[in-house]
Amino acid sequence: MTPADLDKRAELTVWPKRAPGRSAQGRPFATLREALAVAARAIEAEDAQPWIITEAGDILSPRWIRANTLSRVVQ
């Protein structure tokens, strides 16, 4: 992933962490940067499992999102 990828579209889906069998609907974002910020807030505010699909088709797991957003602000 490159810094330019932060300005490309992404889709965020936030799954409840402790509710198996539930469905969740993806939400489009104009930029990956925006999706990452919302995903980080969801992790901090609730027991959630956010997943992001980038414009290039990469799938960012909750573990990746935590490792790359919670320790620093997404710029």
N, C-alpha and C. Protein backbone atom coordinates (compact mmCIF):
# COMPACT_ATOMS: atom_id res chain seq x y z
N MET A 1 0.85 -1.17 0.00
CA MET A 1 0.00 0.00 0.00
C MET A 1 0.90 1.24 0.00
N THR A 2 0.50 2.22 -0.79
CA THR A 2 1.27 3.45 -0.91
C THR A 2 0.47 4.62 -0.33
N PRO A 3 1.12 5.73 -0.05
CA PRO A 3 0.38 6.90 0.44
C PRO A 3 -0.72 7.35 -0.52
N ALA A 4 -0.52 7.16 -1.83
CA ALA A 4 -1.54 7.54 -2.81
C ALA A 4 -2.82 6.72 -2.63
N ASP A 5 -2.70 5.50 -2.11
CA ASP A 5 -3.89 4.66 -1.88
C ASP A 5 -4.84 5.27 -0.85
N LEU A 6 -4.32 6.10 0.03
CA LEU A 6 -5.16 6.74 1.05
C LEU A 6 -6.19 7.68 0.44
N ASP A 7 -5.95 8.12 -0.78
CA ASP A 7 -6.87 9.05 -1.44
C ASP A 7 -7.83 8.36 -2.42
N LYS A 8 -7.79 7.03 -2.45
CA LYS A 8 -8.68 6.27 -3.33
C LYS A 8 -9.89 5.77 -2.55
N ARG A 9 -10.91 5.39 -3.30
CA ARG A 9 -12.16 4.94 -2.67
C ARG A 9 -11.97 3.66 -1.87
N ALA A 10 -12.88 3.46 -0.90
CA ALA A 10 -12.86 2.25 -0.08
C ALA A 10 -14.27 1.99 0.45
N GLU A 11 -14.50 0.75 0.85
CA GLU A 11 -15.77 0.39 1.46
C GLU A 11 -15.49 -0.22 2.83
N LEU A 12 -16.21 0.27 3.82
CA LEU A 12 -16.05 -0.19 5.20
C LEU A 12 -17.29 -0.98 5.62
N THR A 13 -17.05 -2.13 6.23
CA THR A 13 -18.12 -2.91 6.85
C THR A 13 -17.72 -3.14 8.29
N VAL A 14 -18.61 -2.79 9.22
CA VAL A 14 -18.35 -2.99 10.65
C VAL A 14 -19.26 -4.09 11.15
N TRP A 15 -18.64 -5.18 11.59
CA TRP A 15 -19.38 -6.33 12.12
C TRP A 15 -19.36 -6.27 13.64
N PRO A 16 -20.48 -6.61 14.28
CA PRO A 16 -20.46 -6.74 15.75
C PRO A 16 -19.54 -7.89 16.12
N LYS A 17 -18.64 -7.67 17.07
CA LYS A 17 -17.63 -8.67 17.40
C LYS A 17 -18.24 -9.92 18.04
N ARG A 18 -19.22 -9.76 18.88
CA ARG A 18 -19.74 -10.90 19.63
C ARG A 18 -21.14 -11.32 19.20
N ALA A 19 -21.48 -11.10 17.97
CA ALA A 19 -22.82 -11.46 17.50
C ALA A 19 -22.73 -12.29 16.22
N PRO A 20 -22.44 -13.59 16.36
CA PRO A 20 -22.33 -14.42 15.16
C PRO A 20 -23.67 -14.53 14.43
N GLY A 21 -23.58 -14.68 13.15
CA GLY A 21 -24.79 -14.84 12.35
C GLY A 21 -25.47 -13.54 11.97
N ARG A 22 -24.96 -12.43 12.41
CA ARG A 22 -25.53 -11.14 12.03
C ARG A 22 -25.01 -10.73 10.68
N SER A 23 -25.75 -9.90 10.03
CA SER A 23 -25.27 -9.38 8.75
C SER A 23 -24.91 -7.91 8.91
N ALA A 24 -24.04 -7.46 8.06
CA ALA A 24 -23.63 -6.06 8.06
C ALA A 24 -23.56 -5.60 6.62
N GLN A 25 -23.83 -4.34 6.41
CA GLN A 25 -23.80 -3.78 5.06
C GLN A 25 -22.62 -2.82 4.94
N GLY A 26 -21.94 -2.91 3.80
CA GLY A 26 -20.80 -2.03 3.56
C GLY A 26 -21.24 -0.60 3.33
N ARG A 27 -20.35 0.31 3.67
CA ARG A 27 -20.60 1.74 3.50
C ARG A 27 -19.46 2.32 2.67
N PRO A 28 -19.76 2.93 1.54
CA PRO A 28 -18.69 3.48 0.69
C PRO A 28 -18.12 4.79 1.27
N PHE A 29 -16.84 4.99 1.02
CA PHE A 29 -16.16 6.23 1.42
C PHE A 29 -15.39 6.77 0.22
N ALA A 30 -15.31 8.07 0.13
CA ALA A 30 -14.59 8.70 -0.97
C ALA A 30 -13.10 8.40 -0.92
N THR A 31 -12.57 8.22 0.31
CA THR A 31 -11.15 7.92 0.45
C THR A 31 -10.93 6.84 1.50
N LEU A 32 -9.85 6.11 1.33
CA LEU A 32 -9.44 5.12 2.32
C LEU A 32 -9.15 5.80 3.65
N ARG A 33 -8.60 6.99 3.59
CA ARG A 33 -8.29 7.75 4.81
C ARG A 33 -9.55 7.93 5.67
N GLU A 34 -10.67 8.29 5.04
CA GLU A 34 -11.93 8.47 5.77
C GLU A 34 -12.41 7.14 6.35
N ALA A 35 -12.33 6.08 5.57
CA ALA A 35 -12.77 4.76 6.04
C ALA A 35 -11.94 4.30 7.23
N LEU A 36 -10.63 4.53 7.18
CA LEU A 36 -9.76 4.14 8.29
C LEU A 36 -10.09 4.92 9.56
N ALA A 37 -10.38 6.20 9.42
CA ALA A 37 -10.72 7.01 10.59
C ALA A 37 -12.01 6.51 11.25
N VAL A 38 -13.02 6.20 10.46
CA VAL A 38 -14.28 5.69 10.99
C VAL A 38 -14.07 4.31 11.61
N ALA A 39 -13.28 3.47 10.97
CA ALA A 39 -12.99 2.14 11.50
C ALA A 39 -12.26 2.22 12.83
N ALA A 40 -11.30 3.11 12.95
CA ALA A 40 -10.57 3.27 14.20
C ALA A 40 -11.50 3.74 15.32
N ARG A 41 -12.40 4.66 15.00
CA ARG A 41 -13.36 5.12 16.02
C ARG A 41 -14.29 3.99 16.45
N ALA A 42 -14.69 3.15 15.51
CA ALA A 42 -15.57 2.02 15.84
C ALA A 42 -14.86 1.04 16.77
N ILE A 43 -13.59 0.80 16.52
CA ILE A 43 -12.82 -0.10 17.39
C ILE A 43 -12.72 0.49 18.80
N GLU A 44 -12.44 1.78 18.90
CA GLU A 44 -12.27 2.42 20.20
C GLU A 44 -13.58 2.55 20.96
N ALA A 45 -14.68 2.81 20.25
CA ALA A 45 -15.96 3.11 20.90
C ALA A 45 -16.78 1.88 21.25
N GLU A 46 -16.58 0.79 20.52
CA GLU A 46 -17.42 -0.37 20.74
C GLU A 46 -16.65 -1.64 20.42
N ASP A 47 -17.27 -2.73 20.72
CA ASP A 47 -16.67 -4.03 20.45
C ASP A 47 -16.99 -4.41 19.01
N ALA A 48 -16.22 -3.87 18.08
CA ALA A 48 -16.55 -4.01 16.66
C ALA A 48 -15.39 -4.62 15.88
N GLN A 49 -15.73 -5.21 14.75
CA GLN A 49 -14.77 -5.79 13.83
C GLN A 49 -14.91 -5.10 12.46
N PRO A 50 -14.18 -4.01 12.23
CA PRO A 50 -14.28 -3.36 10.93
C PRO A 50 -13.39 -4.03 9.88
N TRP A 51 -13.92 -4.14 8.67
CA TRP A 51 -13.18 -4.66 7.53
C TRP A 51 -13.30 -3.63 6.41
N ILE A 52 -12.20 -3.41 5.70
CA ILE A 52 -12.20 -2.44 4.61
C ILE A 52 -11.75 -3.13 3.33
N ILE A 53 -12.46 -2.83 2.25
CA ILE A 53 -12.04 -3.27 0.92
C ILE A 53 -11.63 -2.01 0.17
N THR A 54 -10.39 -2.00 -0.30
CA THR A 54 -9.87 -0.84 -1.01
C THR A 54 -10.28 -0.86 -2.47
N GLU A 55 -10.08 0.25 -3.13
CA GLU A 55 -10.40 0.35 -4.55
C GLU A 55 -9.62 -0.68 -5.36
N ALA A 56 -8.41 -1.00 -4.92
CA ALA A 56 -7.57 -1.98 -5.61
C ALA A 56 -7.97 -3.42 -5.30
N GLY A 57 -8.92 -3.59 -4.37
CA GLY A 57 -9.38 -4.93 -4.03
C GLY A 57 -8.69 -5.54 -2.82
N ASP A 58 -7.80 -4.80 -2.18
CA ASP A 58 -7.17 -5.30 -0.97
C ASP A 58 -8.19 -5.35 0.16
N ILE A 59 -8.09 -6.36 1.00
CA ILE A 59 -8.98 -6.48 2.16
C ILE A 59 -8.15 -6.21 3.41
N LEU A 60 -8.55 -5.19 4.16
CA LEU A 60 -7.85 -4.81 5.38
C LEU A 60 -8.63 -5.36 6.57
N SER A 61 -7.99 -6.22 7.33
CA SER A 61 -8.63 -6.88 8.47
C SER A 61 -8.65 -5.97 9.69
N PRO A 62 -9.45 -6.31 10.69
CA PRO A 62 -9.45 -5.53 11.92
C PRO A 62 -8.06 -5.44 12.55
N ARG A 63 -7.30 -6.52 12.49
CA ARG A 63 -5.94 -6.50 13.05
C ARG A 63 -5.06 -5.50 12.29
N TRP A 64 -5.15 -5.47 10.97
CA TRP A 64 -4.37 -4.52 10.18
C TRP A 64 -4.78 -3.09 10.51
N ILE A 65 -6.09 -2.87 10.60
CA ILE A 65 -6.60 -1.53 10.89
C ILE A 65 -6.09 -1.06 12.25
N ARG A 66 -6.18 -1.93 13.27
CA ARG A 66 -5.67 -1.56 14.60
C ARG A 66 -4.18 -1.22 14.54
N ALA A 67 -3.40 -2.05 13.89
CA ALA A 67 -1.96 -1.86 13.84
C ALA A 67 -1.54 -0.60 13.10
N ASN A 68 -2.37 -0.15 12.18
CA ASN A 68 -1.99 0.98 11.34
C ASN A 68 -2.76 2.27 11.59
N THR A 69 -3.66 2.26 12.56
CA THR A 69 -4.40 3.50 12.83
C THR A 69 -4.42 3.90 14.31
N LEU A 70 -4.49 2.96 15.21
CA LEU A 70 -4.68 3.32 16.60
C LEU A 70 -3.45 3.91 17.25
N SER A 71 -2.27 3.61 16.71
CA SER A 71 -1.05 4.14 17.29
C SER A 71 -0.70 5.53 16.75
N ARG A 72 -1.41 5.93 15.69
CA ARG A 72 -1.10 7.25 15.11
C ARG A 72 -2.33 7.75 14.35
N VAL A 73 -2.35 9.02 14.11
CA VAL A 73 -3.44 9.63 13.37
C VAL A 73 -3.21 9.38 11.88
N VAL A 74 -4.27 9.00 11.18
CA VAL A 74 -4.18 8.80 9.73
C VAL A 74 -4.14 10.17 9.08
N GLN A 75 -3.06 10.46 8.35
CA GLN A 75 -2.89 11.79 7.75
C GLN A 75 -3.17 11.78 6.28
